[in-house]
Each structure stands twice: as structure tokens, then as C-alpha cells.
Amino acid sequence: MGERALARFLVLGAGGLVGRHIRAALAGRDAIYTYRRDAPPGDIQLDITNAAATRRLINDAVPTVVILAAADAYVERCEREPESTKRVNVDAAAIVAKAARAAGALLVVFSSEYVFDGTAGEYREEDERRPINEYGRQKVALEDIALENGRGLVCRTSAVFGTDPNRKNFVYQLVDRLLAGQTFDVPSDQLVTPTYAPSLARAVVSLADRGLTGMFHVAGPEVMGRVEFAQVITSAYGLNPALLRPRPTSELHLSARRPERCGLRTDKLRKALRRPLVGVREALRELAH
């Protein structure tokens, strides 16, 4: 029997965008799923900031892989409420990491291009981290927790999109505004690496099955400006591109500074998996239809 048959996954935060697609990628596998609220029948309701409950679950589940998909990913809230978001994104992660290590499990966490300052992209895994906002600082702390844990796999990603009943990701926000006939402001000075959530999830599971550790940029194969990304979305959905309003980030009145010229190089991932993730246009065709 190979590692794939033996692995038991514990997915913390299966209700979010990434967690939902991780669950889909693990269909038919030995896996346990937790939800912050409204857990489906047979799954577990867990607040990962409850240290005792989190430790007890990991100890009782005896997982071989712990995937930490639970997080507060709202960049603006992290900037405005650093202490409360840190309890989720950093303090709870430290609890999970310690319990995973005690269980002998591989720990998988998700980080972001926001660990960089956006002055020198496209970035490689080993490039210097220089976050310019609180969300990025919390992700740096998360990376350190995972990498110092013994068996940690850090998956940095960017501009994740995909099926989402909450319709919170960039694609759905844009589509909903344009369908309503409203304009949509798009940062004209930001580079991102759009990443299709189902493809991201399959790659993460594949990396975990191989028992790989360390840092990987798990992101789409194309780096593009947000305006170009928005134009590709409007084309896929047959929407009016004239409703897009390119604007400098400085005019968007955001609480948190955004790194501008980011973009993630994925050479290491391609070498490990021998293939790139699904490209933006193919992904949007699938998502739109």
C-alpha cells in the first residue's frame, strides 16, 4: 500500500473558499472536516481559537496530514483589528502546529504574496519577505510557525477564485456588480497570479501525498495586472468591459497598503508536480459555464 492509501487528512476550515475545494479534491479519501459554524451532518463544528478543543480533536483524530484552511483572510479587517485577527491567523495556528507535531502529522498552511513588498516581483520562494501590511505580517508569522514545526508545508498563493456560495472572491464581486449595471473599480497598478481554487486544491493534496515539506508557490501559471484579469473575466462572462474603472490603488481609500508588483514564480511547483495549475482563461470558461 502506498502513502496515498494510508494518509488520513484533517481539514480545519472546510467551509471557506480554499477549504471547500480541498474537500472536493479529497472526495473518497479518509478525511475529517471541521467548520467554524453550521457544520454539515457527520462533520465537526470547531472554533480553532478554542485551544483545548483543537488539541483534543487533533489528538483523537490521529491524522497523518493536517490542512489548516481556517483563517481570517479579510485584509482590511486585519489592518483595523490586528489583535483579534492575529488570534485566528497566528495564535490558533501555533496551537494547531504544536498538536500536529505531537501527532506526527504533516502540517499544511496557506500563505500569500502579501509577505512581499511588491517592489521586485515576480517572486521566488526564497526571496526576502518584507510585508507592508498587517495581513502580510501575520502570514510571515504563520510561515515561520509551519517551517519551524518539523514537518511543515507552506503553500503561498494569490488571487484565488472559484465556486463560492458566499460570492466573496474577486471574480464574483466583479460579475455581480457588472450584471447589476454598476461600475467596478479595478486597481491599475497591481500584479497578481490568478489561481483557480479547484486546481490549487488538487495541487496541495498532491504535494501532501508526496510528503513534501518547505515552501511552495502554489499559484496559477500566469502573472497579470488586475485590469487584464478583470478584462478576461468580462470576456468569459460576456459582460460589458466599459463598466470597468481602472484606478491607482492610492485612490481606492484602503486601510491596508497593497504590494503592487508582486506575482509568484511557480517553477518549483511545476518541477515537483510536472505540470502547471490550470490557466486563467480555461478556468474562467469552466467557472462561467
Protein backbone atom coordinates (compact mmCIF):
# COMPACT_ATOMS: atom_id res chain seq x y z
CA MET A 1 0.00 0.00 0.00
CA GLY A 2 1.29 3.47 -0.87
CA GLU A 3 1.21 6.71 1.05
CA ARG A 4 -1.93 7.76 -0.81
CA ALA A 5 -3.92 4.86 0.64
CA LEU A 6 -2.59 5.37 4.16
CA ALA A 7 -2.93 9.14 4.53
CA ARG A 8 -5.63 10.42 6.84
CA PHE A 9 -6.47 14.08 6.35
CA LEU A 10 -7.85 16.53 8.88
CA VAL A 11 -9.07 19.71 7.16
CA LEU A 12 -9.61 22.61 9.54
CA GLY A 13 -11.88 25.22 7.95
CA ALA A 14 -13.67 23.25 5.23
CA GLY A 15 -16.33 25.94 4.81
CA GLY A 16 -14.13 28.62 3.23
CA LEU A 17 -13.17 29.06 -0.41
CA VAL A 18 -9.96 27.03 -0.19
CA GLY A 19 -11.26 24.53 2.34
CA ARG A 20 -14.35 23.79 0.27
CA HIS A 21 -12.22 22.91 -2.76
CA ILE A 22 -9.74 20.91 -0.67
CA ARG A 23 -12.73 18.82 0.42
CA ALA A 24 -13.73 18.27 -3.20
CA ALA A 25 -10.16 17.22 -4.07
CA LEU A 26 -10.25 14.69 -1.23
CA ALA A 27 -13.53 13.09 -2.28
CA GLY A 28 -13.46 9.39 -1.40
CA ARG A 29 -10.39 9.75 0.81
CA ASP A 30 -10.08 9.13 4.54
CA ALA A 31 -10.68 12.65 5.83
CA ILE A 32 -12.27 14.62 8.67
CA TYR A 33 -13.62 18.15 8.13
CA THR A 34 -14.29 21.00 10.54
CA TYR A 35 -16.42 24.11 10.15
CA ARG A 36 -16.48 27.32 12.16
CA ARG A 37 -20.28 27.19 12.14
CA ASP A 38 -23.12 25.24 10.53
CA ALA A 39 -21.17 22.00 10.15
CA PRO A 40 -22.93 19.52 7.85
CA PRO A 41 -24.14 16.27 9.43
CA GLY A 42 -21.21 13.97 10.13
CA ASP A 43 -18.69 16.81 10.24
CA ILE A 44 -17.31 18.73 13.21
CA GLN A 45 -18.00 22.26 14.39
CA LEU A 46 -14.78 23.81 15.70
CA ASP A 47 -13.52 27.26 16.56
CA ILE A 48 -9.76 26.89 16.18
CA THR A 49 -9.19 29.65 18.74
CA ASN A 50 -10.53 27.17 21.33
CA ALA A 51 -7.14 25.70 22.21
CA ALA A 52 -8.39 22.78 24.28
CA ALA A 53 -10.95 21.65 21.69
CA THR A 54 -8.44 21.97 18.87
CA ARG A 55 -5.76 19.96 20.67
CA ARG A 56 -8.29 17.31 21.65
CA LEU A 57 -9.57 16.91 18.09
CA ILE A 58 -6.11 16.54 16.57
CA ASN A 59 -5.10 14.08 19.27
CA ASP A 60 -8.26 11.99 18.84
CA ALA A 61 -8.32 12.09 15.03
CA VAL A 62 -4.76 10.75 14.68
CA PRO A 63 -4.30 12.39 11.25
CA THR A 64 -1.26 11.95 9.02
CA VAL A 65 -1.92 15.31 7.33
CA VAL A 66 -3.44 18.41 8.95
CA ILE A 67 -4.54 21.07 6.45
CA LEU A 68 -5.14 24.43 8.10
CA ALA A 69 -7.53 26.24 5.77
CA ALA A 70 -9.26 28.21 8.53
CA ALA A 71 -8.19 31.87 8.57
CA ASP A 72 -9.40 35.44 8.66
CA ALA A 73 -8.44 36.44 5.13
CA TYR A 74 -10.04 39.90 5.05
CA VAL A 75 -7.04 42.18 4.55
CA GLU A 76 -8.83 45.34 5.66
CA ARG A 77 -10.06 43.78 8.92
CA CYS A 78 -6.52 42.59 9.71
CA GLU A 79 -5.32 46.17 9.37
CA ARG A 80 -8.11 47.60 11.52
CA GLU A 81 -8.28 44.79 14.08
CA PRO A 82 -4.78 43.32 14.34
CA GLU A 83 -5.19 41.70 17.75
CA SER A 84 -8.46 39.86 17.07
CA THR A 85 -7.34 38.63 13.63
CA LYS A 86 -3.95 37.59 15.00
CA ARG A 87 -5.73 35.27 17.43
CA VAL A 88 -7.07 33.36 14.43
CA ASN A 89 -4.26 33.68 11.90
CA VAL A 90 -1.26 33.28 14.21
CA ASP A 91 -2.08 32.22 17.76
CA ALA A 92 -4.52 29.48 16.77
CA ALA A 93 -2.11 28.33 14.06
CA ALA A 94 0.59 27.87 16.68
CA ILE A 95 -1.77 25.65 18.68
CA VAL A 96 -2.58 23.59 15.58
CA ALA A 97 1.11 23.29 14.70
CA LYS A 98 2.09 22.03 18.13
CA ALA A 99 -0.72 19.48 18.17
CA ALA A 100 0.09 18.32 14.64
CA ARG A 101 3.71 17.85 15.59
CA ALA A 102 2.71 15.81 18.64
CA ALA A 103 0.58 13.63 16.35
CA GLY A 104 3.47 13.20 13.90
CA ALA A 105 1.36 14.77 11.13
CA LEU A 106 2.38 16.86 8.16
CA LEU A 107 1.07 20.42 8.65
CA VAL A 108 -0.14 22.28 5.55
CA VAL A 109 -0.80 26.05 5.74
CA PHE A 110 -1.69 28.73 3.21
CA SER A 111 0.23 31.95 2.80
CA SER A 112 0.10 34.86 0.40
CA GLU A 113 2.12 37.06 -1.93
CA TYR A 114 1.41 39.77 0.65
CA VAL A 115 4.52 38.63 2.53
CA PHE A 116 6.39 40.67 -0.12
CA ASP A 117 6.52 44.44 -0.53
CA GLY A 118 5.68 44.36 -4.23
CA THR A 119 8.74 46.21 -5.49
CA ALA A 120 10.63 43.35 -7.14
CA GLY A 121 8.17 40.74 -8.42
CA GLU A 122 7.93 38.13 -9.85
CA TYR A 123 8.98 36.47 -6.60
CA ARG A 124 10.61 33.12 -5.91
CA GLU A 125 10.09 31.09 -2.74
CA GLU A 126 13.43 32.13 -1.24
CA ASP A 127 13.12 35.87 -1.90
CA GLU A 128 13.21 38.22 1.08
CA ARG A 129 9.91 38.77 2.84
CA ARG A 130 9.07 42.42 3.51
CA PRO A 131 5.35 42.76 4.29
CA ILE A 132 3.82 46.23 4.19
CA ASN A 133 0.50 45.48 5.89
CA GLU A 134 -0.78 43.55 8.91
CA TYR A 135 -2.16 40.67 6.86
CA GLY A 136 1.28 40.14 5.34
CA ARG A 137 2.94 40.28 8.75
CA GLN A 138 0.53 37.65 10.06
CA LYS A 139 1.30 35.44 7.08
CA VAL A 140 5.04 35.77 7.75
CA ALA A 141 4.40 34.62 11.32
CA LEU A 142 2.29 31.71 10.03
CA GLU A 143 5.04 30.64 7.64
CA ASP A 144 7.59 30.66 10.45
CA ILE A 145 5.32 28.58 12.68
CA ALA A 146 4.88 25.95 9.97
CA LEU A 147 8.51 25.80 8.87
CA GLU A 148 9.76 25.55 12.44
CA ASN A 149 7.31 22.76 13.18
CA GLY A 150 9.45 19.93 11.84
CA ARG A 151 7.10 18.79 9.05
CA GLY A 152 5.50 21.88 7.56
CA LEU A 153 4.32 22.62 4.02
CA VAL A 154 3.69 26.30 3.23
CA CYS A 155 1.59 26.97 0.14
CA ARG A 156 1.80 30.61 -0.96
CA THR A 157 -0.92 31.59 -3.36
CA SER A 158 -2.53 34.64 -4.98
CA ALA A 159 -5.91 35.94 -6.17
CA VAL A 160 -7.75 32.67 -5.57
CA PHE A 161 -11.09 32.31 -7.34
CA GLY A 162 -13.62 29.57 -7.88
CA THR A 163 -17.10 28.39 -6.98
CA ASP A 164 -18.08 30.18 -3.79
CA PRO A 165 -21.61 30.31 -2.35
CA ASN A 166 -20.64 33.47 -0.46
CA ARG A 167 -19.52 35.11 -3.73
CA LYS A 168 -16.72 37.00 -1.99
CA ASN A 169 -13.80 36.43 -4.33
CA PHE A 170 -12.72 38.97 -6.96
CA VAL A 171 -14.40 37.19 -9.88
CA TYR A 172 -17.85 37.06 -8.29
CA GLN A 173 -17.60 40.58 -6.91
CA LEU A 174 -16.85 41.88 -10.40
CA VAL A 175 -19.51 39.74 -12.11
CA ASP A 176 -22.25 40.70 -9.66
CA ARG A 177 -21.52 44.42 -9.98
CA LEU A 178 -21.44 44.37 -13.78
CA LEU A 179 -24.58 42.22 -14.02
CA ALA A 180 -26.31 44.90 -11.96
CA GLY A 181 -25.15 47.52 -14.46
CA GLN A 182 -22.79 49.12 -11.96
CA THR A 183 -19.19 50.16 -12.49
CA PHE A 184 -16.35 48.26 -10.82
CA ASP A 185 -13.11 49.86 -9.65
CA VAL A 186 -10.03 47.82 -10.55
CA PRO A 187 -6.53 48.60 -9.26
CA SER A 188 -4.49 49.62 -12.27
CA ASP A 189 -1.08 49.17 -10.64
CA GLN A 190 -1.25 45.68 -9.09
CA LEU A 191 0.19 42.45 -10.47
CA VAL A 192 -1.32 39.18 -9.26
CA THR A 193 -1.12 35.48 -10.10
CA PRO A 194 -4.75 34.37 -10.51
CA THR A 195 -5.26 30.90 -9.05
CA TYR A 196 -8.20 28.60 -9.73
CA ALA A 197 -9.32 27.07 -6.44
CA PRO A 198 -10.03 23.51 -7.72
CA SER A 199 -6.59 23.37 -9.36
CA LEU A 200 -4.97 24.80 -6.22
CA ALA A 201 -6.67 22.17 -4.08
CA ARG A 202 -5.60 19.28 -6.29
CA ALA A 203 -2.02 20.52 -6.24
CA VAL A 204 -1.98 20.86 -2.45
CA VAL A 205 -3.32 17.33 -1.98
CA SER A 206 -0.73 16.04 -4.44
CA LEU A 207 2.11 17.78 -2.57
CA ALA A 208 0.82 16.38 0.73
CA ASP A 209 0.54 12.86 -0.72
CA ARG A 210 4.19 13.09 -1.68
CA GLY A 211 5.07 14.11 1.87
CA LEU A 212 6.80 17.26 0.61
CA THR A 213 7.73 19.99 3.07
CA GLY A 214 9.05 23.54 2.89
CA MET A 215 7.85 26.47 0.81
CA PHE A 216 5.97 26.22 -2.49
CA HIS A 217 4.30 28.88 -4.60
CA VAL A 218 1.02 27.14 -5.43
CA ALA A 219 -0.46 29.60 -7.88
CA GLY A 220 -1.66 29.86 -11.45
CA PRO A 221 0.73 29.82 -14.41
CA GLU A 222 0.20 33.47 -15.43
CA VAL A 223 1.16 36.75 -13.78
CA MET A 224 -1.03 39.61 -14.94
CA GLY A 225 -2.28 43.01 -13.93
CA ARG A 226 -5.61 43.14 -12.16
CA VAL A 227 -7.05 45.16 -15.06
CA GLU A 228 -6.12 42.43 -17.54
CA PHE A 229 -7.55 39.82 -15.18
CA ALA A 230 -10.77 41.82 -14.97
CA GLN A 231 -10.96 42.07 -18.76
CA VAL A 232 -10.54 38.31 -19.12
CA ILE A 233 -13.38 37.83 -16.62
CA THR A 234 -15.71 40.15 -18.54
CA SER A 235 -14.93 38.30 -21.75
CA ALA A 236 -15.63 34.89 -20.19
CA TYR A 237 -18.96 36.04 -18.79
CA GLY A 238 -19.97 38.18 -21.77
CA LEU A 239 -20.11 41.38 -19.70
CA ASN A 240 -19.52 44.98 -20.66
CA PRO A 241 -15.84 45.89 -20.18
CA ALA A 242 -16.73 49.59 -20.35
CA LEU A 243 -18.05 49.26 -16.78
CA LEU A 244 -14.52 48.54 -15.50
CA ARG A 245 -12.85 51.60 -13.97
CA PRO A 246 -9.05 51.22 -13.72
CA ARG A 247 -7.79 53.33 -10.81
CA PRO A 248 -4.49 53.61 -8.93
CA THR A 249 -4.52 51.77 -5.61
CA SER A 250 -3.86 55.09 -3.86
CA GLU A 251 -7.31 56.32 -4.96
CA LEU A 252 -9.22 53.35 -3.52
CA HIS A 253 -9.05 54.60 0.09
CA LEU A 254 -7.98 51.26 1.56
CA SER A 255 -6.85 50.89 5.17
CA ALA A 256 -4.08 48.44 4.31
CA ARG A 257 -1.32 49.21 1.84
CA ARG A 258 -1.16 46.76 -1.06
CA PRO A 259 2.01 45.44 -2.63
CA GLU A 260 1.88 46.38 -6.28
CA ARG A 261 4.31 44.44 -8.44
CA CYS A 262 4.01 41.01 -6.89
CA GLY A 263 3.40 37.87 -8.88
CA LEU A 264 4.64 34.44 -7.87
CA ARG A 265 7.05 32.27 -9.83
CA THR A 266 5.96 28.64 -9.82
CA ASP A 267 8.99 26.85 -11.29
CA LYS A 268 9.48 24.78 -8.11
CA LEU A 269 5.86 23.63 -8.14
CA ARG A 270 5.99 22.67 -11.81
CA LYS A 271 9.12 20.64 -11.20
CA ALA A 272 7.50 18.84 -8.25
CA LEU A 273 4.18 18.12 -9.99
CA ARG A 274 5.47 18.04 -13.58
CA ARG A 275 2.63 20.29 -14.66
CA PRO A 276 1.33 23.81 -14.02
CA LEU A 277 -2.00 24.68 -12.49
CA VAL A 278 -4.96 25.40 -14.76
CA GLY A 279 -4.62 28.69 -16.63
CA VAL A 280 -6.90 31.69 -16.12
CA ARG A 281 -8.86 31.51 -19.37
CA GLU A 282 -9.52 27.77 -19.15
CA ALA A 283 -10.55 28.15 -15.51
CA LEU A 284 -12.93 31.03 -16.24
CA ARG A 285 -14.53 29.12 -19.12
CA GLU A 286 -15.25 26.28 -16.72
CA LEU A 287 -16.46 28.59 -13.95
CA ALA A 288 -18.69 30.68 -16.23
CA HIS A 289 -20.39 27.72 -17.89
